[in-house]
Amino acid sequence: MTKVIKKNVKCIKCGTESEQMIVHSVNYLLGKKEDNDKLREHQQVCPNCNYTNSDISIEISDSKKKI
């Protein structure tokens, strides 16, 4: 089952709260593959500072950084 909700989220960068779409699951047995891919890859964008991430309420570090 595809499960998508809208929720108020506070941006970790600037503190602005905005309504964002949260994709909990995507069912590839229903709908078009292209539409399901877009849902799965959805990125939230802060309307104030344009911080973009899969979840703007947390800062996700880059695990590929060289030490």
N, C-alpha and C. Protein backbone atom coordinates (compact mmCIF):
# COMPACT_ATOMS: atom_id res chain seq x y z
N MET A 1 0.84 -1.18 0.00
CA MET A 1 0.00 0.00 0.00
C MET A 1 0.88 1.25 0.00
N THR A 2 0.57 2.18 -0.87
CA THR A 2 1.27 3.46 -0.88
C THR A 2 0.70 4.32 0.24
N LYS A 3 1.60 4.87 1.06
CA LYS A 3 1.16 5.70 2.18
C LYS A 3 1.90 7.02 2.15
N VAL A 4 1.15 8.11 1.91
CA VAL A 4 1.70 9.46 1.85
C VAL A 4 0.85 10.35 2.74
N ILE A 5 1.51 11.17 3.57
CA ILE A 5 0.78 12.11 4.42
C ILE A 5 1.41 13.50 4.28
N LYS A 6 0.68 14.51 4.70
CA LYS A 6 1.21 15.87 4.81
C LYS A 6 1.29 16.21 6.28
N LYS A 7 2.41 16.83 6.66
CA LYS A 7 2.65 17.12 8.07
C LYS A 7 3.45 18.41 8.17
N ASN A 8 3.22 19.18 9.23
CA ASN A 8 4.04 20.35 9.49
C ASN A 8 5.40 19.91 10.00
N VAL A 9 6.46 20.41 9.36
CA VAL A 9 7.82 20.02 9.65
C VAL A 9 8.64 21.28 9.89
N LYS A 10 9.53 21.25 10.89
CA LYS A 10 10.40 22.39 11.19
C LYS A 10 11.77 22.16 10.55
N CYS A 11 12.21 23.12 9.73
CA CYS A 11 13.49 23.03 9.04
C CYS A 11 14.65 23.05 10.04
N ILE A 12 15.57 22.10 9.92
CA ILE A 12 16.72 22.01 10.81
C ILE A 12 17.71 23.17 10.58
N LYS A 13 17.69 23.77 9.40
CA LYS A 13 18.64 24.85 9.07
C LYS A 13 18.19 26.22 9.57
N CYS A 14 16.91 26.57 9.33
CA CYS A 14 16.47 27.93 9.66
C CYS A 14 15.33 27.99 10.68
N GLY A 15 14.73 26.83 11.00
CA GLY A 15 13.67 26.80 12.00
C GLY A 15 12.28 27.12 11.47
N THR A 16 12.14 27.37 10.18
CA THR A 16 10.83 27.66 9.60
C THR A 16 9.98 26.39 9.56
N GLU A 17 8.72 26.51 9.97
CA GLU A 17 7.81 25.38 9.92
C GLU A 17 6.96 25.48 8.66
N SER A 18 6.82 24.36 7.96
CA SER A 18 6.02 24.34 6.74
C SER A 18 5.39 22.96 6.56
N GLU A 19 4.31 22.93 5.79
CA GLU A 19 3.65 21.67 5.49
C GLU A 19 4.44 20.94 4.41
N GLN A 20 4.81 19.69 4.69
CA GLN A 20 5.60 18.89 3.76
C GLN A 20 4.95 17.54 3.54
N MET A 21 5.21 16.96 2.39
CA MET A 21 4.72 15.62 2.09
C MET A 21 5.73 14.60 2.63
N ILE A 22 5.22 13.58 3.30
CA ILE A 22 6.05 12.51 3.83
C ILE A 22 5.59 11.21 3.20
N VAL A 23 6.52 10.53 2.52
CA VAL A 23 6.22 9.26 1.85
C VAL A 23 6.68 8.13 2.77
N HIS A 24 5.72 7.37 3.30
CA HIS A 24 6.05 6.26 4.19
C HIS A 24 6.30 4.97 3.42
N SER A 25 5.56 4.77 2.35
CA SER A 25 5.74 3.55 1.55
C SER A 25 5.18 3.77 0.15
N VAL A 26 5.70 2.99 -0.79
CA VAL A 26 5.24 3.05 -2.18
C VAL A 26 4.97 1.63 -2.66
N ASN A 27 3.78 1.41 -3.22
CA ASN A 27 3.39 0.11 -3.73
C ASN A 27 3.55 0.11 -5.25
N TYR A 28 4.56 -0.60 -5.74
CA TYR A 28 4.82 -0.64 -7.18
C TYR A 28 3.83 -1.53 -7.94
N LEU A 29 2.98 -2.25 -7.23
CA LEU A 29 1.97 -3.06 -7.90
C LEU A 29 0.81 -2.20 -8.41
N LEU A 30 0.70 -0.99 -7.86
CA LEU A 30 -0.35 -0.06 -8.27
C LEU A 30 0.27 1.18 -8.90
N GLY A 31 -0.39 1.74 -9.87
CA GLY A 31 0.07 2.99 -10.47
C GLY A 31 1.20 2.78 -11.47
N LYS A 32 1.63 3.90 -12.07
CA LYS A 32 2.70 3.88 -13.06
C LYS A 32 4.06 3.85 -12.37
N LYS A 33 5.00 3.16 -12.96
CA LYS A 33 6.34 3.07 -12.40
C LYS A 33 6.97 4.45 -12.24
N GLU A 34 6.80 5.31 -13.23
CA GLU A 34 7.38 6.65 -13.19
C GLU A 34 6.82 7.46 -12.01
N ASP A 35 5.53 7.36 -11.78
CA ASP A 35 4.89 8.07 -10.67
C ASP A 35 5.39 7.53 -9.33
N ASN A 36 5.51 6.21 -9.24
CA ASN A 36 6.00 5.59 -8.01
C ASN A 36 7.46 5.97 -7.74
N ASP A 37 8.28 6.03 -8.80
CA ASP A 37 9.67 6.44 -8.65
C ASP A 37 9.76 7.87 -8.12
N LYS A 38 8.91 8.76 -8.63
CA LYS A 38 8.90 10.15 -8.16
C LYS A 38 8.54 10.23 -6.69
N LEU A 39 7.56 9.44 -6.27
CA LEU A 39 7.17 9.42 -4.86
C LEU A 39 8.32 8.92 -3.99
N ARG A 40 8.96 7.85 -4.41
CA ARG A 40 10.03 7.25 -3.63
C ARG A 40 11.23 8.19 -3.49
N GLU A 41 11.48 9.00 -4.51
CA GLU A 41 12.62 9.91 -4.52
C GLU A 41 12.26 11.33 -4.09
N HIS A 42 11.06 11.54 -3.57
CA HIS A 42 10.57 12.87 -3.20
C HIS A 42 11.52 13.56 -2.21
N GLN A 43 11.78 14.84 -2.46
CA GLN A 43 12.61 15.66 -1.59
C GLN A 43 11.77 16.80 -1.03
N GLN A 44 11.90 17.06 0.25
CA GLN A 44 11.25 18.20 0.88
C GLN A 44 12.12 19.43 0.66
N VAL A 45 11.48 20.60 0.52
CA VAL A 45 12.21 21.86 0.32
C VAL A 45 11.66 22.89 1.29
N CYS A 46 12.55 23.50 2.06
CA CYS A 46 12.14 24.57 2.97
C CYS A 46 11.77 25.81 2.14
N PRO A 47 10.60 26.39 2.36
CA PRO A 47 10.19 27.56 1.59
C PRO A 47 10.97 28.83 1.96
N ASN A 48 11.65 28.82 3.10
CA ASN A 48 12.40 29.99 3.54
C ASN A 48 13.84 29.98 3.07
N CYS A 49 14.57 28.90 3.34
CA CYS A 49 16.01 28.86 3.03
C CYS A 49 16.36 27.91 1.89
N ASN A 50 15.36 27.21 1.35
CA ASN A 50 15.53 26.27 0.24
C ASN A 50 16.36 25.04 0.59
N TYR A 51 16.57 24.75 1.88
CA TYR A 51 17.24 23.51 2.27
C TYR A 51 16.42 22.35 1.72
N THR A 52 17.09 21.43 1.05
CA THR A 52 16.42 20.31 0.40
C THR A 52 16.99 19.00 0.92
N ASN A 53 16.10 18.10 1.32
CA ASN A 53 16.51 16.80 1.82
C ASN A 53 15.30 15.88 1.83
N SER A 54 15.51 14.60 2.04
CA SER A 54 14.36 13.70 2.13
C SER A 54 13.53 13.99 3.37
N ASP A 55 14.17 14.57 4.40
CA ASP A 55 13.48 15.02 5.62
C ASP A 55 14.20 16.27 6.11
N ILE A 56 13.59 17.44 5.92
CA ILE A 56 14.26 18.70 6.27
C ILE A 56 14.32 18.95 7.77
N SER A 57 13.66 18.08 8.55
CA SER A 57 13.68 18.28 10.00
C SER A 57 14.92 17.66 10.65
N ILE A 58 15.71 16.93 9.86
CA ILE A 58 16.96 16.36 10.36
C ILE A 58 18.07 16.63 9.35
N GLU A 59 19.29 16.69 9.84
CA GLU A 59 20.43 16.88 8.95
C GLU A 59 21.04 15.51 8.70
N ILE A 60 21.05 15.11 7.44
CA ILE A 60 21.59 13.82 7.08
C ILE A 60 23.01 14.03 6.58
N SER A 61 23.97 13.42 7.28
CA SER A 61 25.38 13.61 6.90
C SER A 61 25.72 12.76 5.69
N ASP A 62 26.73 13.19 4.99
CA ASP A 62 27.20 12.49 3.79
C ASP A 62 28.16 11.39 4.22
N SER A 63 27.75 10.14 4.09
CA SER A 63 28.57 9.02 4.53
C SER A 63 29.74 8.74 3.59
N LYS A 64 29.81 9.45 2.46
CA LYS A 64 30.89 9.23 1.51
C LYS A 64 32.04 10.21 1.70
N LYS A 65 31.98 11.05 2.74
CA LYS A 65 33.07 12.00 2.99
C LYS A 65 34.35 11.26 3.32
N LYS A 66 35.45 11.76 2.78
CA LYS A 66 36.75 11.16 3.05
C LYS A 66 37.27 11.62 4.41
N ILE A 67 37.91 10.71 5.11
CA ILE A 67 38.45 11.02 6.44
C ILE A 67 39.90 11.42 6.30
